[in-house]
């Protein structure tokens, strides 16, 4: 069994979270209550917790010409899966904070990346590497 990542984070509305994570992103729903919902995000457990005062972006940092929202989270996908996922999101009208593109082109750590927000303003980044050995390259 591979190790799985678990992330719990605040949202302002559980119904909106269910529509976004379950509907738009296609994450299977796990256990839930009137205060939280578990989702399967590409095999990892994320948990939306109702806490309207804490949801959203705190700041941005410049990275390779982009203003990257902080905090953010996401998944590193195989390149073909990332391309299919980004096209599916485009076709569903997702508004990107940072459009799908290649970052660090021609450099160590070259990667595909995209950023968008959930309905609570939480930032998600999905990225891909043509060469997974570059994920932690310096």
Protein backbone atom coordinates (compact mmCIF):
# COMPACT_ATOMS: atom_id res chain seq x y z
CA UNK A 1 0.00 0.00 0.00
CA UNK A 2 1.24 3.49 -0.81
CA UNK A 3 1.24 6.20 1.80
CA UNK A 4 -1.76 8.50 1.48
CA UNK A 5 -1.87 12.21 2.13
CA UNK A 6 -4.55 13.70 4.41
CA UNK A 7 -5.49 17.38 4.44
CA UNK A 8 -8.29 19.07 6.40
CA UNK A 9 -9.16 22.67 5.52
CA UNK A 10 -11.91 25.25 6.11
CA UNK A 11 -14.80 26.03 3.77
CA UNK A 12 -17.63 28.53 4.06
CA UNK A 13 -20.41 26.21 2.79
CA UNK A 14 -20.51 22.40 2.76
CA UNK A 15 -23.10 22.19 -0.03
CA UNK A 16 -20.90 24.35 -2.27
CA UNK A 17 -17.89 22.19 -1.32
CA UNK A 18 -19.85 19.03 -2.18
CA UNK A 19 -20.81 20.47 -5.58
CA UNK A 20 -17.23 21.60 -6.33
CA UNK A 21 -15.19 18.65 -5.03
CA UNK A 22 -17.75 15.94 -5.70
CA UNK A 23 -19.41 17.34 -8.81
CA UNK A 24 -16.84 19.43 -10.69
CA UNK A 25 -13.65 17.62 -9.66
CA UNK A 26 -15.28 14.17 -9.50
CA UNK A 27 -14.02 13.31 -6.01
CA UNK A 28 -15.88 10.41 -4.41
CA UNK A 29 -17.46 11.38 -1.11
CA UNK A 30 -16.62 9.45 2.03
CA UNK A 31 -17.89 9.95 5.55
CA UNK A 32 -19.55 13.22 6.47
CA UNK A 33 -21.46 15.10 9.12
CA UNK A 34 -23.21 18.45 9.30
CA UNK A 35 -19.75 20.04 9.96
CA UNK A 36 -17.37 18.20 7.56
CA UNK A 37 -17.10 16.00 4.44
CA UNK A 38 -14.34 13.54 3.44
CA UNK A 39 -13.41 13.39 -0.27
CA UNK A 40 -11.12 11.15 -2.32
CA UNK A 41 -8.86 13.51 -4.29
CA UNK A 42 -6.91 11.26 -6.68
CA UNK A 43 -6.54 8.63 -3.95
CA UNK A 44 -5.78 11.07 -1.12
CA UNK A 45 -8.12 12.07 1.69
CA UNK A 46 -9.16 15.70 1.91
CA UNK A 47 -11.69 16.92 4.45
CA UNK A 48 -13.71 20.09 4.12
CA UNK A 49 -14.56 21.53 7.56
CA UNK A 50 -17.21 24.20 7.99
CA UNK A 51 -15.39 27.32 9.23
CA UNK A 52 -16.38 30.35 7.16
CA UNK A 53 -14.05 32.77 8.93
CA UNK A 54 -10.88 30.85 8.02
CA UNK A 55 -11.30 29.89 4.35
CA UNK A 56 -9.38 31.49 1.49
CA UNK A 57 -6.02 32.82 0.30
CA UNK A 58 -3.80 34.70 2.73
CA UNK A 59 -1.21 36.07 0.26
CA UNK A 60 0.70 35.42 -2.96
CA UNK A 61 4.38 34.75 -3.72
CA UNK A 62 6.10 35.32 -7.07
CA UNK A 63 7.19 32.08 -8.79
CA UNK A 64 8.54 32.11 -12.35
CA UNK A 65 6.51 35.20 -13.27
CA UNK A 66 3.25 34.12 -11.58
CA UNK A 67 1.64 35.35 -8.36
CA UNK A 68 1.14 32.00 -6.64
CA UNK A 69 -1.66 31.95 -4.05
CA UNK A 70 -0.68 30.89 -0.53
CA UNK A 71 -1.76 28.64 0.98
CA UNK A 72 -2.62 26.13 -1.73
CA UNK A 73 -2.75 22.37 -2.18
CA UNK A 74 -3.20 19.86 -4.97
CA UNK A 75 -1.87 16.74 -6.62
CA UNK A 76 1.04 15.95 -8.93
CA UNK A 77 -0.37 13.96 -11.84
CA UNK A 78 1.19 12.11 -14.77
CA UNK A 79 1.50 14.54 -17.70
CA UNK A 80 -1.20 12.90 -19.86
CA UNK A 81 -3.64 12.85 -16.95
CA UNK A 82 -2.84 16.51 -16.16
CA UNK A 83 -3.54 17.52 -19.77
CA UNK A 84 -6.87 15.65 -19.79
CA UNK A 85 -7.82 17.12 -16.40
CA UNK A 86 -6.96 20.69 -17.45
CA UNK A 87 -9.00 20.32 -20.65
CA UNK A 88 -11.95 18.93 -18.69
CA UNK A 89 -11.78 21.89 -16.30
CA UNK A 90 -11.60 24.34 -19.23
CA UNK A 91 -14.61 22.69 -20.86
CA UNK A 92 -16.54 23.08 -17.61
CA UNK A 93 -15.78 26.80 -17.47
CA UNK A 94 -13.37 26.83 -14.53
CA UNK A 95 -11.86 30.27 -14.01
CA UNK A 96 -8.12 29.83 -13.50
CA UNK A 97 -6.10 32.04 -11.17
CA UNK A 98 -3.05 30.85 -13.12
CA UNK A 99 -3.85 29.31 -16.51
CA UNK A 100 -2.51 25.85 -17.34
CA UNK A 101 1.04 26.25 -18.66
CA UNK A 102 4.63 25.00 -18.42
CA UNK A 103 6.73 26.54 -15.64
CA UNK A 104 10.56 26.54 -15.59
CA UNK A 105 10.58 25.56 -19.28
CA UNK A 106 13.87 23.99 -20.29
CA UNK A 107 15.18 24.10 -16.71
CA UNK A 108 15.62 21.53 -13.96
CA UNK A 109 12.18 21.00 -12.44
CA UNK A 110 10.21 21.85 -15.60
CA UNK A 111 6.55 21.25 -14.81
CA UNK A 112 3.02 21.82 -16.00
CA UNK A 113 0.90 23.78 -13.53
CA UNK A 114 -2.50 25.39 -13.07
CA UNK A 115 -4.24 27.14 -10.17
CA UNK A 116 -7.92 27.72 -9.46
CA UNK A 117 -10.10 28.42 -6.43
CA UNK A 118 -12.84 26.43 -4.75
CA UNK A 119 -16.08 28.27 -3.84
CA UNK A 120 -14.57 29.23 -0.44
CA UNK A 121 -11.52 30.84 -2.04
CA UNK A 122 -9.14 27.99 -1.20
CA UNK A 123 -6.44 27.71 -3.87
CA UNK A 124 -5.69 24.41 -5.60
CA UNK A 125 -2.67 23.66 -7.76
CA UNK A 126 -2.44 20.64 -10.01
CA UNK A 127 0.90 19.98 -11.63
CA UNK A 128 2.71 17.38 -13.70
CA UNK A 129 6.27 16.51 -14.56
CA UNK A 130 7.39 14.85 -17.78
CA UNK A 131 10.07 13.23 -15.60
CA UNK A 132 8.95 12.38 -12.05
CA UNK A 133 12.59 12.30 -10.93
CA UNK A 134 12.48 16.12 -11.26
CA UNK A 135 9.85 16.60 -8.51
CA UNK A 136 12.50 17.34 -5.87
CA UNK A 137 15.35 18.35 -8.19
CA UNK A 138 17.42 21.38 -7.13
